[in-house]
PDB file of N, CA and C in Angstrom:
ATOM      1  N   UNK A   1       0.848  -1.167   0.000  1.00  0.00           N
ATOM      2  CA  UNK A   1       0.000   0.000   0.000  1.00  0.00           C
ATOM      3  C   UNK A   1       0.902   1.241   0.000  1.00  0.00           C
ATOM      4  N   UNK A   2       0.559   2.207  -0.833  1.00  0.00           N
ATOM      5  CA  UNK A   2       1.376   3.408  -0.888  1.00  0.00           C
ATOM      6  C   UNK A   2       1.118   4.257   0.345  1.00  0.00           C
ATOM      7  N   UNK A   3       2.030   5.187   0.579  1.00  0.00           N
ATOM      8  CA  UNK A   3       1.916   6.058   1.750  1.00  0.00           C
ATOM      9  C   UNK A   3       0.634   6.895   1.696  1.00  0.00           C
ATOM     10  N   UNK A   4       0.268   7.354   0.509  1.00  0.00           N
ATOM     11  CA  UNK A   4      -0.938   8.163   0.335  1.00  0.00           C
ATOM     12  C   UNK A   4      -2.196   7.343   0.649  1.00  0.00           C
ATOM     13  N   UNK A   5      -2.241   6.096   0.172  1.00  0.00           N
ATOM     14  CA  UNK A   5      -3.394   5.236   0.440  1.00  0.00           C
ATOM     15  C   UNK A   5      -3.484   4.893   1.925  1.00  0.00           C
ATOM     16  N   UNK A   6      -2.327   4.675   2.554  1.00  0.00           N
ATOM     17  CA  UNK A   6      -2.309   4.352   3.980  1.00  0.00           C
ATOM     18  C   UNK A   6      -2.841   5.533   4.796  1.00  0.00           C
ATOM     19  N   UNK A   7      -2.461   6.747   4.423  1.00  0.00           N
ATOM     20  CA  UNK A   7      -2.938   7.944   5.125  1.00  0.00           C
ATOM     21  C   UNK A   7      -4.443   8.104   4.936  1.00  0.00           C
ATOM     22  N   UNK A   8      -4.931   7.844   3.736  1.00  0.00           N
ATOM     23  CA  UNK A   8      -6.370   7.949   3.466  1.00  0.00           C
ATOM     24  C   UNK A   8      -7.146   6.904   4.263  1.00  0.00           C
ATOM     25  N   UNK A   9      -6.608   5.692   4.331  1.00  0.00           N
ATOM     26  CA  UNK A   9      -7.269   4.626   5.091  1.00  0.00           C
ATOM     27  C   UNK A   9      -7.314   4.981   6.575  1.00  0.00           C
ATOM     28  N   UNK A  10      -6.246   5.558   7.096  1.00  0.00           N
ATOM     29  CA  UNK A  10      -6.201   5.943   8.502  1.00  0.00           C
ATOM     30  C   UNK A  10      -7.184   7.069   8.785  1.00  0.00           C
ATOM     31  N   UNK A  11      -7.336   8.003   7.865  1.00  0.00           N
ATOM     32  CA  UNK A  11      -8.232   9.143   8.061  1.00  0.00           C
ATOM     33  C   UNK A  11      -9.695   8.706   8.106  1.00  0.00           C
ATOM     34  N   UNK A  12     -10.035   7.612   7.442  1.00  0.00           N
ATOM     35  CA  UNK A  12     -11.426   7.151   7.422  1.00  0.00           C
ATOM     36  C   UNK A  12     -11.628   5.916   8.294  1.00  0.00           C
ATOM     37  N   UNK A  13     -10.748   5.722   9.235  1.00  0.00           N
ATOM     38  CA  UNK A  13     -10.790   4.537  10.091  1.00  0.00           C
ATOM     39  C   UNK A  13     -11.929   4.634  11.115  1.00  0.00           C
ATOM     40  N   UNK A  14     -12.686   3.570  11.235  1.00  0.00           N
ATOM     41  CA  UNK A  14     -13.767   3.445  12.214  1.00  0.00           C
ATOM     42  C   UNK A  14     -13.377   2.344  13.196  1.00  0.00           C
ATOM     43  N   UNK A  15     -13.493   2.612  14.489  1.00  0.00           N
ATOM     44  CA  UNK A  15     -13.073   1.653  15.509  1.00  0.00           C
ATOM     45  C   UNK A  15     -14.175   1.446  16.543  1.00  0.00           C
ATOM     46  N   UNK A  16     -14.070   0.357  17.271  1.00  0.00           N
ATOM     47  CA  UNK A  16     -15.020   0.066  18.347  1.00  0.00           C
ATOM     48  C   UNK A  16     -14.776   1.011  19.523  1.00  0.00           C
ATOM     49  N   UNK A  17     -15.743   1.050  20.446  1.00  0.00           N
ATOM     50  CA  UNK A  17     -15.557   1.850  21.657  1.00  0.00           C
ATOM     51  C   UNK A  17     -14.283   1.425  22.386  1.00  0.00           C
ATOM     52  N   UNK A  18     -14.064   0.118  22.494  1.00  0.00           N
ATOM     53  CA  UNK A  18     -12.896  -0.385  23.225  1.00  0.00           C
ATOM     54  C   UNK A  18     -11.594   0.109  22.594  1.00  0.00           C
ATOM     55  N   UNK A  19     -11.504   0.042  21.260  1.00  0.00           N
ATOM     56  CA  UNK A  19     -10.288   0.511  20.602  1.00  0.00           C
ATOM     57  C   UNK A  19     -10.163   2.025  20.707  1.00  0.00           C
ATOM     58  N   UNK A  20     -11.274   2.745  20.616  1.00  0.00           N
ATOM     59  CA  UNK A  20     -11.251   4.204  20.763  1.00  0.00           C
ATOM     60  C   UNK A  20     -10.780   4.595  22.167  1.00  0.00           C
ATOM     61  N   UNK A  21     -11.231   3.847  23.171  1.00  0.00           N
ATOM     62  CA  UNK A  21     -10.779   4.086  24.544  1.00  0.00           C
ATOM     63  C   UNK A  21      -9.261   3.962  24.630  1.00  0.00           C
ATOM     64  N   UNK A  22      -8.734   2.908  24.029  1.00  0.00           N
ATOM     65  CA  UNK A  22      -7.288   2.658  24.057  1.00  0.00           C
ATOM     66  C   UNK A  22      -6.525   3.742  23.294  1.00  0.00           C
ATOM     67  N   UNK A  23      -7.043   4.143  22.140  1.00  0.00           N
ATOM     68  CA  UNK A  23      -6.353   5.120  21.295  1.00  0.00           C
ATOM     69  C   UNK A  23      -6.351   6.524  21.877  1.00  0.00           C
ATOM     70  N   UNK A  24      -7.488   6.923  22.456  1.00  0.00           N
ATOM     71  CA  UNK A  24      -7.647   8.316  22.873  1.00  0.00           C
ATOM     72  C   UNK A  24      -7.659   8.534  24.383  1.00  0.00           C
ATOM     73  N   UNK A  25      -7.733   7.453  25.156  1.00  0.00           N
ATOM     74  CA  UNK A  25      -7.699   7.582  26.606  1.00  0.00           C
ATOM     75  C   UNK A  25      -8.963   8.175  27.211  1.00  0.00           C
ATOM     76  N   UNK A  26     -10.082   8.045  26.504  1.00  0.00           N
ATOM     77  CA  UNK A  26     -11.372   8.518  27.003  1.00  0.00           C
ATOM     78  C   UNK A  26     -12.261   7.316  27.296  1.00  0.00           C
ATOM     79  N   UNK A  27     -13.263   7.518  28.131  1.00  0.00           N
ATOM     80  CA  UNK A  27     -14.126   6.394  28.509  1.00  0.00           C
ATOM     81  C   UNK A  27     -15.210   6.136  27.473  1.00  0.00           C
ATOM     82  N   UNK A  28     -15.781   4.957  27.549  1.00  0.00           N
ATOM     83  CA  UNK A  28     -16.895   4.569  26.677  1.00  0.00           C
ATOM     84  C   UNK A  28     -18.063   5.533  26.847  1.00  0.00           C
ATOM     85  N   UNK A  29     -18.329   5.916  28.094  1.00  0.00           N
ATOM     86  CA  UNK A  29     -19.417   6.842  28.374  1.00  0.00           C
ATOM     87  C   UNK A  29     -19.181   8.194  27.710  1.00  0.00           C
ATOM     88  N   UNK A  30     -17.952   8.651  27.699  1.00  0.00           N
ATOM     89  CA  UNK A  30     -17.623   9.917  27.048  1.00  0.00           C
ATOM     90  C   UNK A  30     -17.865   9.822  25.548  1.00  0.00           C
ATOM     91  N   UNK A  31     -17.429   8.722  24.929  1.00  0.00           N
ATOM     92  CA  UNK A  31     -17.672   8.550  23.491  1.00  0.00           C
ATOM     93  C   UNK A  31     -19.170   8.492  23.202  1.00  0.00           C
ATOM     94  N   UNK A  32     -19.915   7.797  24.039  1.00  0.00           N
ATOM     95  CA  UNK A  32     -21.362   7.686  23.856  1.00  0.00           C
ATOM     96  C   UNK A  32     -22.006   9.075  23.939  1.00  0.00           C
ATOM     97  N   UNK A  33     -21.610   9.875  24.940  1.00  0.00           N
ATOM     98  CA  UNK A  33     -22.170  11.217  25.114  1.00  0.00           C
ATOM     99  C   UNK A  33     -21.815  12.125  23.937  1.00  0.00           C
ATOM    100  N   UNK A  34     -20.555  12.092  23.504  1.00  0.00           N
ATOM    101  CA  UNK A  34     -20.136  12.927  22.372  1.00  0.00           C
ATOM    102  C   UNK A  34     -20.873  12.540  21.089  1.00  0.00           C
ATOM    103  N   UNK A  35     -21.083  11.256  20.895  1.00  0.00           N
ATOM    104  CA  UNK A  35     -21.817  10.798  19.710  1.00  0.00           C
ATOM    105  C   UNK A  35     -23.277  11.239  19.789  1.00  0.00           C
ATOM    106  N   UNK A  36     -23.876  11.110  20.955  1.00  0.00           N
ATOM    107  CA  UNK A  36     -25.274  11.504  21.130  1.00  0.00           C
ATOM    108  C   UNK A  36     -25.453  13.006  20.895  1.00  0.00           C
ATOM    109  N   UNK A  37     -24.448  13.799  21.320  1.00  0.00           N
ATOM    110  CA  UNK A  37     -24.490  15.257  21.138  1.00  0.00           C
ATOM    111  C   UNK A  37     -24.041  15.670  19.736  1.00  0.00           C
ATOM    112  N   UNK A  38     -23.714  14.675  18.897  1.00  0.00           N
ATOM    113  CA  UNK A  38     -23.274  14.893  17.510  1.00  0.00           C
ATOM    114  C   UNK A  38     -21.963  15.686  17.423  1.00  0.00           C
ATOM    115  N   UNK A  39     -21.110  15.521  18.433  1.00  0.00           N
ATOM    116  CA  UNK A  39     -19.807  16.175  18.426  1.00  0.00           C
ATOM    117  C   UNK A  39     -18.756  15.307  17.744  1.00  0.00           C
ATOM    118  N   UNK A  40     -19.013  13.996  17.699  1.00  0.00           N
ATOM    119  CA  UNK A  40     -18.180  13.063  16.936  1.00  0.00           C
ATOM    120  C   UNK A  40     -19.106  12.170  16.117  1.00  0.00           C
ATOM    121  N   UNK A  41     -18.548  11.528  15.100  1.00  0.00           N
ATOM    122  CA  UNK A  41     -19.342  10.633  14.262  1.00  0.00           C
ATOM    123  C   UNK A  41     -19.253   9.204  14.787  1.00  0.00           C
ATOM    124  N   UNK A  42     -20.405   8.562  14.871  1.00  0.00           N
ATOM    125  CA  UNK A  42     -20.474   7.162  15.277  1.00  0.00           C
ATOM    126  C   UNK A  42     -21.567   6.497  14.459  1.00  0.00           C
ATOM    127  N   UNK A  43     -21.413   5.204  14.247  1.00  0.00           N
ATOM    128  CA  UNK A  43     -22.393   4.446  13.474  1.00  0.00           C
ATOM    129  C   UNK A  43     -22.730   3.166  14.222  1.00  0.00           C
ATOM    130  N   UNK A  44     -24.007   2.821  14.219  1.00  0.00           N
ATOM    131  CA  UNK A  44     -24.457   1.574  14.825  1.00  0.00           C
ATOM    132  C   UNK A  44     -24.715   0.567  13.718  1.00  0.00           C
ATOM    133  N   UNK A  45     -24.131  -0.611  13.871  1.00  0.00           N
ATOM    134  CA  UNK A  45     -24.351  -1.725  12.949  1.00  0.00           C
ATOM    135  C   UNK A  45     -24.856  -2.872  13.812  1.00  0.00           C
ATOM    136  N   UNK A  46     -26.152  -3.090  13.808  1.00  0.00           N
ATOM    137  CA  UNK A  46     -26.729  -4.065  14.736  1.00  0.00           C
ATOM    138  C   UNK A  46     -26.521  -3.575  16.152  1.00  0.00           C
ATOM    139  N   UNK A  47     -25.871  -4.384  16.965  1.00  0.00           N
ATOM    140  CA  UNK A  47     -25.570  -3.986  18.342  1.00  0.00           C
ATOM    141  C   UNK A  47     -24.204  -3.332  18.475  1.00  0.00           C
ATOM    142  N   UNK A  48     -23.393  -3.419  17.428  1.00  0.00           N
ATOM    143  CA  UNK A  48     -22.040  -2.857  17.463  1.00  0.00           C
ATOM    144  C   UNK A  48     -22.071  -1.370  17.132  1.00  0.00           C
ATOM    145  N   UNK A  49     -21.176  -0.625  17.762  1.00  0.00           N
ATOM    146  CA  UNK A  49     -21.020   0.805  17.474  1.00  0.00           C
ATOM    147  C   UNK A  49     -19.581   1.037  17.047  1.00  0.00           C
ATOM    148  N   UNK A  50     -19.408   1.839  16.006  1.00  0.00           N
ATOM    149  CA  UNK A  50     -18.079   2.205  15.529  1.00  0.00           C
ATOM    150  C   UNK A  50     -17.949   3.725  15.570  1.00  0.00           C
ATOM    151  N   UNK A  51     -16.775   4.199  15.994  1.00  0.00           N
ATOM    152  CA  UNK A  51     -16.480   5.617  16.119  1.00  0.00           C
ATOM    153  C   UNK A  51     -15.465   5.986  15.044  1.00  0.00           C
ATOM    154  N   UNK A  52     -15.695   7.123  14.369  1.00  0.00           N
ATOM    155  CA  UNK A  52     -14.765   7.577  13.340  1.00  0.00           C
ATOM    156  C   UNK A  52     -13.603   8.309  14.010  1.00  0.00           C
ATOM    157  N   UNK A  53     -12.384   7.804  13.827  1.00  0.00           N
ATOM    158  CA  UNK A  53     -11.192   8.383  14.454  1.00  0.00           C
ATOM    159  C   UNK A  53     -10.977   9.837  14.058  1.00  0.00           C
ATOM    160  N   UNK A  54     -11.173  10.146  12.784  1.00  0.00           N
ATOM    161  CA  UNK A  54     -10.936  11.517  12.311  1.00  0.00           C
ATOM    162  C   UNK A  54     -11.845  12.514  13.026  1.00  0.00           C
ATOM    163  N   UNK A  55     -13.074  12.126  13.321  1.00  0.00           N
ATOM    164  CA  UNK A  55     -13.990  13.053  14.007  1.00  0.00           C
ATOM    165  C   UNK A  55     -13.560  13.274  15.459  1.00  0.00           C
ATOM    166  N   UNK A  56     -13.014  12.244  16.096  1.00  0.00           N
ATOM    167  CA  UNK A  56     -12.518  12.391  17.464  1.00  0.00           C
ATOM    168  C   UNK A  56     -11.299  13.315  17.463  1.00  0.00           C
ATOM    169  N   UNK A  57     -10.396  13.107  16.508  1.00  0.00           N
ATOM    170  CA  UNK A  57      -9.207  13.960  16.410  1.00  0.00           C
ATOM    171  C   UNK A  57      -9.598  15.411  16.142  1.00  0.00           C
ATOM    172  N   UNK A  58     -10.576  15.636  15.269  1.00  0.00           N
ATOM    173  CA  UNK A  58     -11.038  16.997  14.975  1.00  0.00           C
ATOM    174  C   UNK A  58     -11.650  17.635  16.222  1.00  0.00           C
ATOM    175  N   UNK A  59     -12.409  16.858  16.976  1.00  0.00           N
ATOM    176  CA  UNK A  59     -13.015  17.367  18.206  1.00  0.00           C
ATOM    177  C   UNK A  59     -11.928  17.745  19.216  1.00  0.00           C
ATOM    178  N   UNK A  60     -10.922  16.907  19.368  1.00  0.00           N
ATOM    179  CA  UNK A  60      -9.832  17.208  20.296  1.00  0.00           C
ATOM    180  C   UNK A  60      -9.047  18.439  19.845  1.00  0.00           C
ATOM    181  N   UNK A  61      -8.829  18.589  18.546  1.00  0.00           N
ATOM    182  CA  UNK A  61      -8.157  19.783  18.016  1.00  0.00           C
ATOM    183  C   UNK A  61      -8.956  21.035  18.340  1.00  0.00           C
ATOM    184  N   UNK A  62     -10.282  20.944  18.193  1.00  0.00           N
ATOM    185  CA  UNK A  62     -11.164  22.066  18.509  1.00  0.00           C
ATOM    186  C   UNK A  62     -11.028  22.449  19.988  1.00  0.00           C
ATOM    187  N   UNK A  63     -10.988  21.446  20.851  1.00  0.00           N
ATOM    188  CA  UNK A  63     -10.827  21.717  22.283  1.00  0.00           C
ATOM    189  C   UNK A  63      -9.471  22.336  22.575  1.00  0.00           C
ATOM    190  N   UNK A  64      -8.434  21.861  21.891  1.00  0.00           N
ATOM    191  CA  UNK A  64      -7.091  22.397  22.078  1.00  0.00           C
ATOM    192  C   UNK A  64      -7.026  23.857  21.654  1.00  0.00           C
ATOM    193  N   UNK A  65      -7.706  24.201  20.551  1.00  0.00           N
ATOM    194  CA  UNK A  65      -7.737  25.588  20.088  1.00  0.00           C
ATOM    195  C   UNK A  65      -8.426  26.483  21.106  1.00  0.00           C
ATOM    196  N   UNK A  66      -9.496  25.976  21.723  1.00  0.00           N
ATOM    197  CA  UNK A  66     -10.214  26.747  22.734  1.00  0.00           C
ATOM    198  C   UNK A  66      -9.388  26.917  24.009  1.00  0.00           C
ATOM    199  N   UNK A  67      -8.500  25.985  24.269  1.00  0.00           N
ATOM    200  CA  UNK A  67      -7.690  25.981  25.490  1.00  0.00           C
ATOM    201  C   UNK A  67      -6.595  27.041  25.435  1.00  0.00           C
ATOM    202  N   UNK A  68      -6.105  27.308  24.248  1.00  0.00           N
ATOM    203  CA  UNK A  68      -4.948  28.230  24.100  1.00  0.00           C
ATOM    204  C   UNK A  68      -5.291  29.617  24.440  1.00  0.00           C
TER     205      UNK A  68
END
């Protein structure tokens, strides 16, 4: 896979709550609340929920900008 394709795949990566917790250090409840408030993108497939990594990163960047 080329570097450009790998970057594109990473930008559109969807992960479970458990993996999102590990990646971002936030709780499942926090992800659930942010998704419900439409601050991050999440999708339900049956009983499974997937969180879009790029939306979490964008949300954290927004918070960082407000912090400065």
